[in-house]
Amino acid sequence: MAKKSLKLCPLAQHIVNMLAESGRPGHGPTYACSKAHELHGRTTNDVLVWASHQLDSSNRGCLADVIGKASGWNIDPADLVAAARVEKALGGLPVLNLQELLA
């Protein structure tokens, strides 16, 4: 039977690859596979919120380094946590109806 391919956003793909390549105890391909299933179908914003709660400080630091290098900005792990908090708060706000606001 063929395996169902998982739908992972680029951030989730990076996290899964990072966990699979890690030599830390408890990490590796099996651990990464279980996390890939957790991240399947999530948006980048949802993955960021997940990472801020589920990754330990070392992995959040590695993720911040990679994002910082890719963006050319100085990104700190605390920035990822702050961005996740903002995303979570925004998700709790009611959807704005622009037509009502402009009427």
N, C-alpha and C. Protein backbone atom coordinates (compact mmCIF):
# COMPACT_ATOMS: atom_id res chain seq x y z
N MET A 1 0.83 -1.16 0.00
CA MET A 1 0.00 0.00 0.00
C MET A 1 0.89 1.24 0.00
N ALA A 2 0.56 2.21 -0.84
CA ALA A 2 1.35 3.43 -0.94
C ALA A 2 1.09 4.33 0.26
N LYS A 3 2.13 5.00 0.69
CA LYS A 3 1.98 5.94 1.80
C LYS A 3 1.34 7.22 1.30
N LYS A 4 0.49 7.79 2.12
CA LYS A 4 -0.12 9.07 1.80
C LYS A 4 0.93 10.16 2.01
N SER A 5 1.13 11.01 1.01
CA SER A 5 2.12 12.07 1.17
C SER A 5 1.53 13.17 2.05
N LEU A 6 2.37 13.70 2.88
CA LEU A 6 1.95 14.74 3.80
C LEU A 6 2.08 16.10 3.15
N LYS A 7 1.13 16.97 3.42
CA LYS A 7 1.17 18.33 2.91
C LYS A 7 1.78 19.22 3.99
N LEU A 8 3.01 19.67 3.75
CA LEU A 8 3.72 20.50 4.71
C LEU A 8 4.11 21.82 4.06
N CYS A 9 3.85 22.92 4.76
CA CYS A 9 4.30 24.22 4.27
C CYS A 9 5.83 24.27 4.36
N PRO A 10 6.48 25.22 3.70
CA PRO A 10 7.95 25.28 3.74
C PRO A 10 8.53 25.36 5.15
N LEU A 11 7.88 26.10 6.05
CA LEU A 11 8.39 26.18 7.42
C LEU A 11 8.31 24.82 8.10
N ALA A 12 7.21 24.11 7.90
CA ALA A 12 7.05 22.78 8.49
C ALA A 12 8.07 21.81 7.89
N GLN A 13 8.31 21.91 6.59
CA GLN A 13 9.31 21.06 5.94
C GLN A 13 10.68 21.28 6.57
N HIS A 14 11.02 22.54 6.79
CA HIS A 14 12.32 22.84 7.39
C HIS A 14 12.40 22.26 8.80
N ILE A 15 11.36 22.43 9.59
CA ILE A 15 11.38 21.93 10.96
C ILE A 15 11.54 20.41 10.96
N VAL A 16 10.80 19.73 10.11
CA VAL A 16 10.89 18.27 10.04
C VAL A 16 12.29 17.84 9.63
N ASN A 17 12.86 18.49 8.62
CA ASN A 17 14.23 18.16 8.19
C ASN A 17 15.24 18.42 9.31
N MET A 18 15.06 19.53 10.01
CA MET A 18 15.97 19.88 11.11
C MET A 18 15.91 18.81 12.20
N LEU A 19 14.71 18.36 12.54
CA LEU A 19 14.56 17.33 13.57
C LEU A 19 15.10 15.98 13.11
N ALA A 20 14.93 15.68 11.82
CA ALA A 20 15.41 14.40 11.29
C ALA A 20 16.93 14.33 11.29
N GLU A 21 17.58 15.46 11.03
CA GLU A 21 19.04 15.49 10.94
C GLU A 21 19.71 15.69 12.30
N SER A 22 18.94 15.97 13.32
CA SER A 22 19.50 16.23 14.64
C SER A 22 20.07 14.96 15.24
N GLY A 23 21.22 15.10 15.86
CA GLY A 23 21.85 13.98 16.55
C GLY A 23 21.56 13.97 18.04
N ARG A 24 20.69 14.87 18.47
CA ARG A 24 20.35 14.95 19.90
C ARG A 24 19.55 13.72 20.31
N PRO A 25 19.69 13.30 21.54
CA PRO A 25 18.92 12.15 22.03
C PRO A 25 17.41 12.39 21.89
N GLY A 26 16.72 11.39 21.38
CA GLY A 26 15.28 11.50 21.20
C GLY A 26 14.86 12.11 19.88
N HIS A 27 15.82 12.65 19.14
CA HIS A 27 15.52 13.23 17.83
C HIS A 27 15.88 12.20 16.76
N GLY A 28 15.69 12.59 15.53
CA GLY A 28 16.01 11.70 14.43
C GLY A 28 14.82 11.46 13.54
N PRO A 29 14.97 10.56 12.56
CA PRO A 29 13.92 10.35 11.56
C PRO A 29 12.56 9.93 12.13
N THR A 30 12.53 9.06 13.12
CA THR A 30 11.26 8.60 13.67
C THR A 30 10.53 9.75 14.38
N TYR A 31 11.27 10.51 15.17
CA TYR A 31 10.71 11.67 15.87
C TYR A 31 10.21 12.69 14.86
N ALA A 32 11.00 12.94 13.82
CA ALA A 32 10.63 13.91 12.80
C ALA A 32 9.36 13.47 12.06
N CYS A 33 9.24 12.18 11.82
CA CYS A 33 8.05 11.66 11.14
C CYS A 33 6.79 11.92 11.97
N SER A 34 6.89 11.70 13.27
CA SER A 34 5.72 11.95 14.12
C SER A 34 5.35 13.44 14.13
N LYS A 35 6.36 14.30 14.10
CA LYS A 35 6.09 15.74 14.07
C LYS A 35 5.53 16.16 12.71
N ALA A 36 5.97 15.50 11.63
CA ALA A 36 5.42 15.79 10.30
C ALA A 36 3.92 15.52 10.27
N HIS A 37 3.50 14.45 10.93
CA HIS A 37 2.07 14.14 10.98
C HIS A 37 1.31 15.21 11.77
N GLU A 38 1.94 15.75 12.81
CA GLU A 38 1.31 16.82 13.59
C GLU A 38 1.17 18.10 12.75
N LEU A 39 2.13 18.33 11.86
CA LEU A 39 2.16 19.57 11.08
C LEU A 39 1.42 19.47 9.74
N HIS A 40 0.99 18.29 9.39
CA HIS A 40 0.31 18.05 8.11
C HIS A 40 -0.90 18.98 7.94
N GLY A 41 -0.92 19.71 6.84
CA GLY A 41 -2.04 20.56 6.48
C GLY A 41 -2.12 21.89 7.20
N ARG A 42 -1.19 22.18 8.08
CA ARG A 42 -1.22 23.45 8.80
C ARG A 42 -0.64 24.57 7.94
N THR A 43 -1.15 25.77 8.16
CA THR A 43 -0.62 26.95 7.47
C THR A 43 0.71 27.34 8.11
N THR A 44 1.44 28.20 7.44
CA THR A 44 2.71 28.69 7.99
C THR A 44 2.49 29.36 9.34
N ASN A 45 1.43 30.15 9.46
CA ASN A 45 1.15 30.82 10.74
C ASN A 45 0.86 29.80 11.83
N ASP A 46 0.08 28.77 11.50
CA ASP A 46 -0.22 27.72 12.49
C ASP A 46 1.05 26.98 12.90
N VAL A 47 1.94 26.75 11.93
CA VAL A 47 3.19 26.06 12.23
C VAL A 47 4.06 26.92 13.13
N LEU A 48 4.06 28.22 12.92
CA LEU A 48 4.82 29.13 13.78
C LEU A 48 4.31 29.07 15.21
N VAL A 49 3.00 29.08 15.38
CA VAL A 49 2.42 28.98 16.72
C VAL A 49 2.79 27.63 17.34
N TRP A 50 2.69 26.57 16.55
CA TRP A 50 3.06 25.23 17.03
C TRP A 50 4.52 25.21 17.48
N ALA A 51 5.40 25.75 16.64
CA ALA A 51 6.83 25.73 16.95
C ALA A 51 7.15 26.49 18.23
N SER A 52 6.44 27.58 18.46
CA SER A 52 6.73 28.39 19.66
C SER A 52 6.36 27.64 20.94
N HIS A 53 5.44 26.68 20.84
CA HIS A 53 5.02 25.92 22.03
C HIS A 53 5.66 24.55 22.11
N GLN A 54 5.93 23.92 20.98
CA GLN A 54 6.36 22.52 20.97
C GLN A 54 7.86 22.31 20.87
N LEU A 55 8.56 23.25 20.24
CA LEU A 55 10.01 23.08 20.11
C LEU A 55 10.71 23.57 21.37
N ASP A 56 11.77 22.88 21.74
CA ASP A 56 12.54 23.34 22.90
C ASP A 56 13.39 24.54 22.49
N SER A 57 14.01 25.14 23.47
CA SER A 57 14.75 26.38 23.21
C SER A 57 15.88 26.20 22.21
N SER A 58 16.54 25.05 22.24
CA SER A 58 17.63 24.79 21.30
C SER A 58 17.11 24.75 19.86
N ASN A 59 16.02 24.04 19.65
CA ASN A 59 15.45 23.96 18.30
C ASN A 59 14.86 25.30 17.85
N ARG A 60 14.26 26.05 18.77
CA ARG A 60 13.77 27.38 18.40
C ARG A 60 14.94 28.28 18.01
N GLY A 61 16.07 28.13 18.71
CA GLY A 61 17.26 28.90 18.35
C GLY A 61 17.77 28.56 16.97
N CYS A 62 17.81 27.27 16.62
CA CYS A 62 18.23 26.85 15.29
C CYS A 62 17.28 27.39 14.22
N LEU A 63 15.99 27.33 14.51
CA LEU A 63 14.99 27.83 13.56
C LEU A 63 15.14 29.34 13.37
N ALA A 64 15.36 30.07 14.46
CA ALA A 64 15.55 31.52 14.36
C ALA A 64 16.80 31.85 13.54
N ASP A 65 17.87 31.08 13.72
CA ASP A 65 19.10 31.30 12.94
C ASP A 65 18.85 31.13 11.45
N VAL A 66 18.13 30.07 11.09
CA VAL A 66 17.87 29.80 9.67
C VAL A 66 16.99 30.90 9.07
N ILE A 67 15.95 31.30 9.80
CA ILE A 67 15.06 32.35 9.31
C ILE A 67 15.83 33.66 9.19
N GLY A 68 16.68 33.92 10.17
CA GLY A 68 17.49 35.13 10.14
C GLY A 68 18.43 35.18 8.95
N LYS A 69 19.08 34.05 8.66
CA LYS A 69 19.99 34.00 7.51
C LYS A 69 19.22 34.16 6.20
N ALA A 70 18.06 33.53 6.12
CA ALA A 70 17.26 33.60 4.89
C ALA A 70 16.69 35.00 4.66
N SER A 71 16.35 35.69 5.74
CA SER A 71 15.72 37.00 5.60
C SER A 71 16.72 38.16 5.62
N GLY A 72 17.93 37.89 6.14
CA GLY A 72 18.91 38.95 6.26
C GLY A 72 18.67 39.82 7.50
N TRP A 73 17.77 39.39 8.37
CA TRP A 73 17.46 40.12 9.59
C TRP A 73 18.06 39.38 10.77
N ASN A 74 18.27 40.10 11.86
CA ASN A 74 18.74 39.49 13.09
C ASN A 74 17.50 38.99 13.85
N ILE A 75 17.23 37.68 13.79
CA ILE A 75 16.05 37.09 14.41
C ILE A 75 16.48 36.35 15.67
N ASP A 76 15.76 36.58 16.73
CA ASP A 76 16.01 35.94 18.01
C ASP A 76 14.90 34.93 18.27
N PRO A 77 15.17 33.83 18.97
CA PRO A 77 14.08 32.88 19.29
C PRO A 77 12.90 33.54 19.98
N ALA A 78 13.16 34.55 20.79
CA ALA A 78 12.05 35.26 21.46
C ALA A 78 11.17 35.98 20.44
N ASP A 79 11.76 36.39 19.31
CA ASP A 79 10.97 37.03 18.25
C ASP A 79 9.96 36.05 17.67
N LEU A 80 10.38 34.78 17.53
CA LEU A 80 9.46 33.77 17.01
C LEU A 80 8.30 33.56 17.97
N VAL A 81 8.59 33.52 19.25
CA VAL A 81 7.54 33.33 20.26
C VAL A 81 6.60 34.54 20.26
N ALA A 82 7.17 35.74 20.16
CA ALA A 82 6.33 36.95 20.12
C ALA A 82 5.45 36.97 18.88
N ALA A 83 6.02 36.60 17.74
CA ALA A 83 5.22 36.56 16.50
C ALA A 83 4.10 35.53 16.61
N ALA A 84 4.38 34.42 17.24
CA ALA A 84 3.36 33.39 17.42
C ALA A 84 2.25 33.89 18.34
N ARG A 85 2.61 34.64 19.37
CA ARG A 85 1.58 35.19 20.26
C ARG A 85 0.70 36.19 19.53
N VAL A 86 1.30 37.01 18.69
CA VAL A 86 0.52 37.97 17.91
C VAL A 86 -0.42 37.22 16.96
N GLU A 87 0.09 36.22 16.29
CA GLU A 87 -0.73 35.43 15.37
C GLU A 87 -1.89 34.77 16.10
N LYS A 88 -1.63 34.25 17.27
CA LYS A 88 -2.68 33.60 18.06
C LYS A 88 -3.74 34.62 18.48
N ALA A 89 -3.30 35.81 18.89
CA ALA A 89 -4.23 36.86 19.29
C ALA A 89 -5.07 37.33 18.11
N LEU A 90 -4.43 37.50 16.95
CA LEU A 90 -5.17 37.91 15.76
C LEU A 90 -6.21 36.88 15.37
N GLY A 91 -5.87 35.61 15.56
CA GLY A 91 -6.81 34.55 15.23
C GLY A 91 -8.05 34.57 16.11
N GLY A 92 -7.94 35.17 17.28
CA GLY A 92 -9.07 35.24 18.20
C GLY A 92 -9.99 36.43 17.97
N LEU A 93 -9.54 37.36 17.13
CA LEU A 93 -10.36 38.54 16.85
C LEU A 93 -11.45 38.19 15.84
N PRO A 94 -12.58 38.87 15.93
CA PRO A 94 -13.62 38.62 14.93
C PRO A 94 -13.17 39.12 13.56
N VAL A 95 -13.69 38.50 12.53
CA VAL A 95 -13.36 38.90 11.17
C VAL A 95 -14.00 40.27 10.90
N LEU A 96 -13.21 41.17 10.36
CA LEU A 96 -13.72 42.51 10.06
C LEU A 96 -14.46 42.51 8.74
N ASN A 97 -15.60 43.15 8.73
CA ASN A 97 -16.37 43.30 7.50
C ASN A 97 -16.08 44.69 6.95
N LEU A 98 -15.23 44.76 5.93
CA LEU A 98 -14.81 46.06 5.39
C LEU A 98 -15.97 46.84 4.80
N GLN A 99 -16.94 46.15 4.23
CA GLN A 99 -18.10 46.85 3.66
C GLN A 99 -18.88 47.57 4.74
N GLU A 100 -19.01 46.97 5.91
CA GLU A 100 -19.71 47.62 7.03
C GLU A 100 -18.90 48.81 7.51
N LEU A 101 -17.59 48.68 7.56
CA LEU A 101 -16.76 49.78 8.03
C LEU A 101 -16.78 50.97 7.09
N LEU A 102 -16.87 50.70 5.80
CA LEU A 102 -16.83 51.77 4.80
C LEU A 102 -18.19 52.38 4.51
N ALA A 103 -19.26 51.75 4.97
CA ALA A 103 -20.62 52.24 4.67
C ALA A 103 -20.95 53.47 5.49
